[in-house]
Amino acid sequence: MSTTILSDPMVISAPETQATATAAAAATLIAQIEVESAKCDCCGLTEECTPAYIERVRERYQGKWICGLCAEAVKDEIFRSERLISTEEAMTRHMNFCKKFVSSGPPPDPTTHLIAAMRQILRRSLDSPRGLRSTPSSPTKTGVQLPSAALTRSGSCFPTLSG
C-alpha cells in the first residue's frame, strides 16, 4: 500500500475570519459618517444628524433647521390655512406658536391642567353631531326607527360568589 502526499497550497477561509473582516469594514464606514447635533429653530429640540441632512433641511426651510415634528406641523399649517400660504409663512406661524407655548411656562398644577384638557376634549366630542361619530353600519336617527324602550339588565352573567 502506497501513500501519496499532495503538496498543492490551498487557501481556506474560515467563516469567523470573514465575519470579523466584514464587521471591521462596517465599523470603519460608520466611523467615517460624521454626525452633528442640530437644534430646532422652532421648538429647541436637539437631534443628531449628518451634515448632508442638515443642509437639505436648511435649503427647504430658508436657512433654518427644524426637526421632523415641526416640519410636520408646518405642513399641517399649510393644509389648514384657508388661503394658500408659503412654507415660509407657515413656518413663521408655527415658530410664533412655539414661542408662545414656551413663554407661557409650565402650568401651576399639571394634574389640574390635564383634567381640564380632558374635560374640554370630552365636551367637544359630546357636542359634535352624532351622525359624524357613528360608523356606516350603525343605525342613525334618520331612516331607521329605533325602539323607544331602553334595554334593561335582567341579571348578571357571573355566578354569585359565596364566601
N, C-alpha and C. Protein backbone atom coordinates (compact mmCIF):
# COMPACT_ATOMS: atom_id res chain seq x y z
N MET A 1 0.84 -1.15 0.00
CA MET A 1 0.00 0.00 0.00
C MET A 1 0.90 1.22 0.00
N SER A 2 0.66 2.13 -0.93
CA SER A 2 1.48 3.32 -1.02
C SER A 2 0.68 4.55 -0.64
N THR A 3 1.34 5.56 -0.15
CA THR A 3 0.71 6.79 0.29
C THR A 3 1.18 7.93 -0.58
N THR A 4 0.22 8.72 -1.07
CA THR A 4 0.56 9.87 -1.90
C THR A 4 0.27 11.13 -1.10
N ILE A 5 1.21 12.03 -1.12
CA ILE A 5 1.06 13.31 -0.40
C ILE A 5 0.91 14.41 -1.43
N LEU A 6 -0.13 15.17 -1.29
CA LEU A 6 -0.37 16.31 -2.17
C LEU A 6 0.24 17.55 -1.56
N SER A 7 0.94 18.29 -2.35
CA SER A 7 1.57 19.48 -1.80
C SER A 7 1.03 20.76 -2.42
N ASP A 8 -0.15 20.72 -3.03
CA ASP A 8 -0.73 21.94 -3.59
C ASP A 8 -1.22 22.83 -2.45
N PRO A 9 -0.81 24.11 -2.47
CA PRO A 9 -1.29 25.01 -1.41
C PRO A 9 -2.77 25.34 -1.61
N MET A 10 -3.52 25.38 -0.52
CA MET A 10 -4.93 25.72 -0.55
C MET A 10 -5.19 26.84 0.45
N VAL A 11 -6.03 27.74 0.06
CA VAL A 11 -6.40 28.82 0.96
C VAL A 11 -7.79 28.48 1.50
N ILE A 12 -7.85 28.32 2.79
CA ILE A 12 -9.12 28.03 3.45
C ILE A 12 -9.50 29.25 4.25
N SER A 13 -10.70 29.77 3.98
CA SER A 13 -11.16 30.96 4.68
C SER A 13 -12.24 30.54 5.66
N ALA A 14 -11.98 30.73 6.90
CA ALA A 14 -12.94 30.37 7.94
C ALA A 14 -14.05 31.42 7.99
N PRO A 15 -15.28 31.01 8.26
CA PRO A 15 -16.39 31.98 8.34
C PRO A 15 -16.16 33.04 9.42
N GLU A 16 -15.51 32.68 10.49
CA GLU A 16 -15.27 33.66 11.56
C GLU A 16 -14.37 34.77 11.05
N THR A 17 -13.38 34.44 10.22
CA THR A 17 -12.45 35.43 9.71
C THR A 17 -13.19 36.39 8.78
N GLN A 18 -14.08 35.87 7.93
CA GLN A 18 -14.85 36.73 7.04
C GLN A 18 -15.79 37.64 7.83
N ALA A 19 -16.43 37.11 8.85
CA ALA A 19 -17.34 37.91 9.66
C ALA A 19 -16.59 39.02 10.38
N THR A 20 -15.39 38.70 10.87
CA THR A 20 -14.59 39.70 11.56
C THR A 20 -14.17 40.79 10.60
N ALA A 21 -13.79 40.41 9.39
CA ALA A 21 -13.38 41.40 8.38
C ALA A 21 -14.56 42.28 7.98
N THR A 22 -15.73 41.69 7.84
CA THR A 22 -16.92 42.46 7.48
C THR A 22 -17.29 43.43 8.59
N ALA A 23 -17.22 42.98 9.82
CA ALA A 23 -17.54 43.85 10.96
C ALA A 23 -16.55 45.00 11.05
N ALA A 24 -15.29 44.73 10.79
CA ALA A 24 -14.28 45.78 10.84
C ALA A 24 -14.52 46.81 9.74
N ALA A 25 -14.90 46.34 8.55
CA ALA A 25 -15.19 47.26 7.44
C ALA A 25 -16.41 48.12 7.77
N ALA A 26 -17.44 47.52 8.37
CA ALA A 26 -18.63 48.27 8.74
C ALA A 26 -18.32 49.31 9.81
N ALA A 27 -17.48 48.93 10.78
CA ALA A 27 -17.10 49.88 11.83
C ALA A 27 -16.32 51.04 11.25
N THR A 28 -15.47 50.77 10.27
CA THR A 28 -14.71 51.84 9.62
C THR A 28 -15.65 52.77 8.87
N LEU A 29 -16.63 52.20 8.19
CA LEU A 29 -17.59 53.00 7.45
C LEU A 29 -18.41 53.88 8.40
N ILE A 30 -18.85 53.31 9.50
CA ILE A 30 -19.63 54.07 10.48
C ILE A 30 -18.78 55.18 11.08
N ALA A 31 -17.52 54.89 11.33
CA ALA A 31 -16.64 55.91 11.89
C ALA A 31 -16.45 57.06 10.90
N GLN A 32 -16.55 56.76 9.59
CA GLN A 32 -16.38 57.80 8.58
C GLN A 32 -17.61 58.70 8.45
N ILE A 33 -18.79 58.21 8.86
CA ILE A 33 -20.00 59.01 8.79
C ILE A 33 -19.97 60.02 9.93
N GLU A 34 -19.98 61.27 9.54
CA GLU A 34 -19.90 62.35 10.53
C GLU A 34 -21.30 62.69 11.01
N VAL A 35 -21.45 62.87 12.29
CA VAL A 35 -22.74 63.20 12.89
C VAL A 35 -22.57 64.49 13.69
N GLU A 36 -23.55 65.37 13.53
CA GLU A 36 -23.54 66.64 14.25
C GLU A 36 -24.85 66.80 15.01
N SER A 37 -24.82 67.59 16.05
CA SER A 37 -26.06 67.93 16.77
C SER A 37 -26.64 69.18 16.13
N ALA A 38 -27.94 69.14 15.89
CA ALA A 38 -28.63 70.29 15.31
C ALA A 38 -29.81 70.63 16.22
N LYS A 39 -29.97 71.92 16.51
CA LYS A 39 -31.04 72.38 17.38
C LYS A 39 -32.15 73.01 16.53
N CYS A 40 -33.38 72.59 16.78
CA CYS A 40 -34.54 73.07 16.03
C CYS A 40 -34.75 74.56 16.33
N ASP A 41 -34.91 75.35 15.27
CA ASP A 41 -35.14 76.78 15.42
C ASP A 41 -36.54 77.10 15.92
N CYS A 42 -37.44 76.10 15.89
CA CYS A 42 -38.81 76.32 16.37
C CYS A 42 -38.95 75.94 17.84
N CYS A 43 -38.74 74.65 18.12
CA CYS A 43 -39.04 74.14 19.46
C CYS A 43 -37.81 73.95 20.34
N GLY A 44 -36.62 73.97 19.77
CA GLY A 44 -35.40 73.82 20.55
C GLY A 44 -34.94 72.39 20.75
N LEU A 45 -35.62 71.42 20.15
CA LEU A 45 -35.23 70.02 20.26
C LEU A 45 -33.89 69.82 19.57
N THR A 46 -33.01 69.03 20.16
CA THR A 46 -31.70 68.76 19.57
C THR A 46 -31.68 67.33 19.04
N GLU A 47 -31.23 67.17 17.79
CA GLU A 47 -31.13 65.87 17.15
C GLU A 47 -29.73 65.69 16.60
N GLU A 48 -29.30 64.43 16.50
CA GLU A 48 -28.03 64.12 15.86
C GLU A 48 -28.31 63.73 14.42
N CYS A 49 -27.68 64.46 13.47
CA CYS A 49 -27.93 64.25 12.04
C CYS A 49 -26.62 64.37 11.27
N THR A 50 -26.64 63.85 10.05
CA THR A 50 -25.48 64.02 9.19
C THR A 50 -25.47 65.44 8.64
N PRO A 51 -24.31 65.96 8.31
CA PRO A 51 -24.25 67.32 7.74
C PRO A 51 -25.05 67.45 6.45
N ALA A 52 -25.09 66.39 5.64
CA ALA A 52 -25.85 66.44 4.39
C ALA A 52 -27.34 66.62 4.67
N TYR A 53 -27.86 65.90 5.66
CA TYR A 53 -29.27 66.01 6.02
C TYR A 53 -29.58 67.41 6.56
N ILE A 54 -28.71 67.91 7.41
CA ILE A 54 -28.90 69.25 7.98
C ILE A 54 -28.96 70.28 6.85
N GLU A 55 -28.08 70.14 5.87
CA GLU A 55 -28.06 71.08 4.75
C GLU A 55 -29.33 71.00 3.92
N ARG A 56 -29.84 69.80 3.67
CA ARG A 56 -31.09 69.64 2.90
C ARG A 56 -32.26 70.30 3.63
N VAL A 57 -32.33 70.13 4.94
CA VAL A 57 -33.42 70.75 5.71
C VAL A 57 -33.30 72.26 5.66
N ARG A 58 -32.09 72.77 5.80
CA ARG A 58 -31.90 74.23 5.75
C ARG A 58 -32.26 74.80 4.39
N GLU A 59 -31.98 74.06 3.32
CA GLU A 59 -32.37 74.53 1.99
C GLU A 59 -33.89 74.60 1.86
N ARG A 60 -34.56 73.64 2.44
CA ARG A 60 -36.03 73.56 2.34
C ARG A 60 -36.72 74.64 3.17
N TYR A 61 -36.10 75.04 4.29
CA TYR A 61 -36.75 75.96 5.23
C TYR A 61 -35.97 77.27 5.40
N GLN A 62 -35.57 77.86 4.29
CA GLN A 62 -34.95 79.19 4.24
C GLN A 62 -33.80 79.38 5.23
N GLY A 63 -32.91 78.41 5.30
CA GLY A 63 -31.72 78.52 6.15
C GLY A 63 -31.93 78.13 7.59
N LYS A 64 -33.13 77.82 7.97
CA LYS A 64 -33.42 77.41 9.34
C LYS A 64 -33.45 75.89 9.40
N TRP A 65 -33.00 75.33 10.53
CA TRP A 65 -33.08 73.88 10.72
C TRP A 65 -34.24 73.61 11.66
N ILE A 66 -35.18 72.80 11.19
CA ILE A 66 -36.30 72.42 12.05
C ILE A 66 -36.39 70.91 12.12
N CYS A 67 -36.83 70.42 13.26
CA CYS A 67 -36.92 68.98 13.49
C CYS A 67 -38.09 68.38 12.69
N GLY A 68 -38.17 67.07 12.67
CA GLY A 68 -39.22 66.38 11.93
C GLY A 68 -40.62 66.70 12.44
N LEU A 69 -40.77 66.84 13.76
CA LEU A 69 -42.09 67.16 14.32
C LEU A 69 -42.56 68.55 13.86
N CYS A 70 -41.65 69.50 13.91
CA CYS A 70 -42.02 70.86 13.49
C CYS A 70 -42.24 70.91 11.98
N ALA A 71 -41.50 70.12 11.21
CA ALA A 71 -41.71 70.06 9.76
C ALA A 71 -43.13 69.58 9.46
N GLU A 72 -43.59 68.57 10.20
CA GLU A 72 -44.97 68.08 10.03
C GLU A 72 -45.97 69.16 10.44
N ALA A 73 -45.67 69.90 11.50
CA ALA A 73 -46.56 70.97 11.95
C ALA A 73 -46.65 72.08 10.90
N VAL A 74 -45.54 72.37 10.23
CA VAL A 74 -45.53 73.39 9.17
C VAL A 74 -46.40 72.90 8.00
N LYS A 75 -46.26 71.63 7.63
CA LYS A 75 -47.10 71.08 6.56
C LYS A 75 -48.58 71.17 6.95
N ASP A 76 -48.89 70.85 8.20
CA ASP A 76 -50.26 70.93 8.68
C ASP A 76 -50.78 72.36 8.66
N GLU A 77 -49.91 73.31 8.98
CA GLU A 77 -50.28 74.72 8.96
C GLU A 77 -50.66 75.15 7.54
N ILE A 78 -49.92 74.68 6.55
CA ILE A 78 -50.22 74.99 5.15
C ILE A 78 -51.57 74.37 4.77
N PHE A 79 -51.79 73.13 5.18
CA PHE A 79 -53.02 72.42 4.85
C PHE A 79 -54.25 73.05 5.49
N ARG A 80 -54.11 73.49 6.76
CA ARG A 80 -55.26 74.04 7.49
C ARG A 80 -55.59 75.47 7.10
N SER A 81 -54.67 76.15 6.45
CA SER A 81 -54.89 77.55 6.12
C SER A 81 -56.05 77.70 5.13
N GLU A 82 -56.84 78.74 5.35
CA GLU A 82 -57.99 78.99 4.48
C GLU A 82 -57.56 79.48 3.10
N ARG A 83 -56.40 80.12 3.03
CA ARG A 83 -55.88 80.58 1.75
C ARG A 83 -54.50 79.94 1.54
N LEU A 84 -54.03 79.98 0.33
CA LEU A 84 -52.74 79.40 0.00
C LEU A 84 -51.63 80.24 0.64
N ILE A 85 -50.81 79.61 1.48
CA ILE A 85 -49.70 80.33 2.12
C ILE A 85 -48.39 79.64 1.76
N SER A 86 -47.31 80.39 1.85
CA SER A 86 -46.00 79.83 1.54
C SER A 86 -45.47 79.03 2.72
N THR A 87 -44.46 78.23 2.44
CA THR A 87 -43.81 77.46 3.50
C THR A 87 -43.22 78.41 4.55
N GLU A 88 -42.67 79.52 4.07
CA GLU A 88 -42.07 80.49 4.99
C GLU A 88 -43.11 81.08 5.95
N GLU A 89 -44.29 81.41 5.42
CA GLU A 89 -45.35 81.97 6.28
C GLU A 89 -45.85 80.92 7.27
N ALA A 90 -46.00 79.68 6.81
CA ALA A 90 -46.43 78.59 7.71
C ALA A 90 -45.40 78.37 8.80
N MET A 91 -44.12 78.45 8.43
CA MET A 91 -43.06 78.26 9.42
C MET A 91 -43.07 79.41 10.43
N THR A 92 -43.32 80.63 9.97
CA THR A 92 -43.40 81.78 10.88
C THR A 92 -44.54 81.60 11.86
N ARG A 93 -45.70 81.14 11.37
CA ARG A 93 -46.84 80.90 12.26
C ARG A 93 -46.50 79.85 13.31
N HIS A 94 -45.86 78.76 12.87
CA HIS A 94 -45.52 77.69 13.82
C HIS A 94 -44.48 78.17 14.83
N MET A 95 -43.50 78.95 14.37
CA MET A 95 -42.49 79.46 15.29
C MET A 95 -43.12 80.38 16.33
N ASN A 96 -44.09 81.20 15.92
CA ASN A 96 -44.79 82.06 16.87
C ASN A 96 -45.56 81.24 17.89
N PHE A 97 -46.20 80.16 17.42
CA PHE A 97 -46.92 79.27 18.33
C PHE A 97 -45.95 78.67 19.35
N CYS A 98 -44.79 78.19 18.88
CA CYS A 98 -43.80 77.60 19.79
C CYS A 98 -43.30 78.61 20.81
N LYS A 99 -43.06 79.85 20.37
CA LYS A 99 -42.59 80.89 21.29
C LYS A 99 -43.64 81.18 22.36
N LYS A 100 -44.91 81.26 21.98
CA LYS A 100 -45.98 81.50 22.95
C LYS A 100 -46.06 80.34 23.94
N PHE A 101 -45.95 79.13 23.44
CA PHE A 101 -46.04 77.96 24.30
C PHE A 101 -44.90 77.93 25.31
N VAL A 102 -43.68 78.19 24.86
CA VAL A 102 -42.52 78.15 25.75
C VAL A 102 -42.58 79.30 26.76
N SER A 103 -43.02 80.48 26.31
CA SER A 103 -43.04 81.64 27.21
C SER A 103 -44.14 81.53 28.26
N SER A 104 -45.17 80.72 27.99
CA SER A 104 -46.26 80.60 28.97
C SER A 104 -45.80 79.83 30.21
N GLY A 105 -44.74 79.04 30.08
CA GLY A 105 -44.22 78.29 31.23
C GLY A 105 -45.11 77.11 31.57
N PRO A 106 -44.66 76.29 32.50
CA PRO A 106 -45.47 75.13 32.87
C PRO A 106 -46.68 75.57 33.68
N PRO A 107 -47.77 74.80 33.62
CA PRO A 107 -48.95 75.17 34.41
C PRO A 107 -48.65 75.05 35.90
N PRO A 108 -49.33 75.86 36.73
CA PRO A 108 -49.07 75.82 38.17
C PRO A 108 -49.37 74.44 38.77
N ASP A 109 -50.42 73.79 38.29
CA ASP A 109 -50.76 72.46 38.78
C ASP A 109 -50.99 71.56 37.56
N PRO A 110 -50.00 70.78 37.16
CA PRO A 110 -50.12 69.96 35.95
C PRO A 110 -51.29 68.99 35.98
N THR A 111 -51.62 68.44 37.14
CA THR A 111 -52.73 67.50 37.24
C THR A 111 -54.05 68.18 36.91
N THR A 112 -54.28 69.34 37.49
CA THR A 112 -55.50 70.09 37.22
C THR A 112 -55.55 70.50 35.75
N HIS A 113 -54.41 70.87 35.19
CA HIS A 113 -54.35 71.26 33.78
C HIS A 113 -54.72 70.08 32.88
N LEU A 114 -54.22 68.89 33.19
CA LEU A 114 -54.54 67.69 32.41
C LEU A 114 -56.03 67.37 32.51
N ILE A 115 -56.59 67.45 33.70
CA ILE A 115 -58.02 67.16 33.89
C ILE A 115 -58.86 68.16 33.09
N ALA A 116 -58.49 69.43 33.12
CA ALA A 116 -59.24 70.45 32.37
C ALA A 116 -59.14 70.19 30.86
N ALA A 117 -57.98 69.78 30.40
CA ALA A 117 -57.81 69.48 28.97
C ALA A 117 -58.66 68.28 28.56
N MET A 118 -58.69 67.24 29.39
CA MET A 118 -59.50 66.05 29.09
C MET A 118 -60.99 66.41 29.12
N ARG A 119 -61.39 67.28 30.04
CA ARG A 119 -62.78 67.72 30.11
C ARG A 119 -63.16 68.45 28.82
N GLN A 120 -62.26 69.29 28.34
CA GLN A 120 -62.52 70.04 27.11
C GLN A 120 -62.64 69.08 25.92
N ILE A 121 -61.79 68.08 25.84
CA ILE A 121 -61.87 67.09 24.76
C ILE A 121 -63.19 66.34 24.83
N LEU A 122 -63.60 65.93 26.02
CA LEU A 122 -64.86 65.22 26.19
C LEU A 122 -66.04 66.08 25.76
N ARG A 123 -66.04 67.34 26.17
CA ARG A 123 -67.14 68.23 25.80
C ARG A 123 -67.21 68.42 24.29
N ARG A 124 -66.05 68.57 23.65
CA ARG A 124 -66.04 68.71 22.19
C ARG A 124 -66.60 67.47 21.52
N SER A 125 -66.23 66.30 22.01
CA SER A 125 -66.71 65.07 21.39
C SER A 125 -68.21 64.89 21.62
N LEU A 126 -68.72 65.32 22.77
CA LEU A 126 -70.16 65.21 23.04
C LEU A 126 -70.96 66.25 22.27
N ASP A 127 -70.34 67.40 21.99
CA ASP A 127 -71.03 68.45 21.25
C ASP A 127 -71.05 68.19 19.75
N SER A 128 -70.18 67.30 19.25
CA SER A 128 -70.14 67.05 17.82
C SER A 128 -71.39 66.29 17.40
N PRO A 129 -71.83 66.47 16.16
CA PRO A 129 -73.05 65.79 15.70
C PRO A 129 -72.89 64.27 15.76
N ARG A 130 -73.96 63.58 16.14
CA ARG A 130 -73.91 62.13 16.29
C ARG A 130 -73.68 61.44 14.95
N GLY A 131 -74.19 61.98 13.87
CA GLY A 131 -74.02 61.36 12.56
C GLY A 131 -72.57 61.22 12.18
N LEU A 132 -71.74 62.14 12.60
CA LEU A 132 -70.32 62.08 12.27
C LEU A 132 -69.61 61.02 13.10
N ARG A 133 -70.11 60.75 14.30
CA ARG A 133 -69.43 59.79 15.18
C ARG A 133 -69.85 58.36 14.90
N SER A 134 -71.03 58.14 14.29
CA SER A 134 -71.50 56.76 14.10
C SER A 134 -70.77 56.12 12.94
N THR A 135 -70.63 54.83 13.01
CA THR A 135 -69.99 54.08 11.93
C THR A 135 -71.01 53.86 10.84
N PRO A 136 -70.57 53.59 9.60
CA PRO A 136 -71.50 53.43 8.50
C PRO A 136 -72.52 52.31 8.72
N SER A 137 -72.17 51.27 9.46
CA SER A 137 -73.10 50.16 9.65
C SER A 137 -74.04 50.38 10.83
N SER A 138 -73.81 51.40 11.64
CA SER A 138 -74.67 51.60 12.80
C SER A 138 -75.88 52.45 12.40
N PRO A 139 -77.03 52.17 12.99
CA PRO A 139 -78.23 52.95 12.64
C PRO A 139 -78.16 54.35 13.22
N THR A 140 -78.72 55.29 12.48
CA THR A 140 -78.83 56.67 12.96
C THR A 140 -80.30 57.00 13.09
N LYS A 141 -80.59 58.16 13.62
CA LYS A 141 -81.99 58.54 13.84
C LYS A 141 -82.73 58.77 12.52
N THR A 142 -82.01 59.10 11.46
CA THR A 142 -82.67 59.32 10.18
C THR A 142 -82.73 58.01 9.41
N GLY A 143 -83.89 57.66 8.96
CA GLY A 143 -84.03 56.48 8.12
C GLY A 143 -84.41 55.21 8.87
N VAL A 144 -83.94 54.99 10.07
CA VAL A 144 -84.21 53.76 10.82
C VAL A 144 -84.90 54.13 12.11
N GLN A 145 -86.02 53.51 12.37
CA GLN A 145 -86.77 53.78 13.60
C GLN A 145 -86.17 52.95 14.73
N LEU A 146 -85.65 53.60 15.74
CA LEU A 146 -85.07 52.92 16.89
C LEU A 146 -86.14 52.69 17.94
N PRO A 147 -86.07 51.57 18.65
CA PRO A 147 -87.07 51.34 19.70
C PRO A 147 -86.91 52.38 20.81
N SER A 148 -88.06 52.79 21.38
CA SER A 148 -88.00 53.84 22.40
C SER A 148 -87.65 53.28 23.77
N ALA A 149 -87.90 52.00 24.00
CA ALA A 149 -87.59 51.43 25.31
C ALA A 149 -86.10 51.09 25.37
N ALA A 150 -85.51 51.41 26.47
CA ALA A 150 -84.09 51.11 26.64
C ALA A 150 -83.94 49.65 27.07
N LEU A 151 -82.80 49.09 26.76
CA LEU A 151 -82.52 47.73 27.19
C LEU A 151 -82.26 47.72 28.69
N THR A 152 -82.80 46.75 29.36
CA THR A 152 -82.57 46.65 30.79
C THR A 152 -81.81 45.37 31.09
N ARG A 153 -81.13 45.38 32.16
CA ARG A 153 -80.32 44.23 32.55
C ARG A 153 -81.19 43.26 33.35
N SER A 154 -81.19 42.01 32.93
CA SER A 154 -82.04 41.04 33.62
C SER A 154 -81.28 40.34 34.75
N GLY A 155 -80.00 40.30 34.66
CA GLY A 155 -79.21 39.64 35.70
C GLY A 155 -77.76 39.57 35.31
N SER A 156 -76.96 39.13 36.20
CA SER A 156 -75.53 39.04 35.94
C SER A 156 -75.21 37.72 35.25
N CYS A 157 -74.23 37.76 34.39
CA CYS A 157 -73.79 36.53 33.73
C CYS A 157 -72.73 35.82 34.60
N PHE A 158 -72.29 36.45 35.66
CA PHE A 158 -71.32 35.85 36.57
C PHE A 158 -72.06 35.19 37.73
N PRO A 159 -71.65 33.99 38.12
CA PRO A 159 -72.29 33.36 39.28
C PRO A 159 -71.95 34.14 40.55
N THR A 160 -72.84 34.09 41.49
CA THR A 160 -72.63 34.78 42.75
C THR A 160 -71.52 34.12 43.52
N LEU A 161 -70.66 34.92 44.08
CA LEU A 161 -69.56 34.39 44.87
C LEU A 161 -70.04 34.20 46.30
N SER A 162 -69.91 33.00 46.80
CA SER A 162 -70.31 32.77 48.19
C SER A 162 -69.04 32.64 49.02
N GLY A 163 -69.03 33.28 50.12
CA GLY A 163 -67.81 33.24 50.89
C GLY A 163 -68.01 32.88 52.24
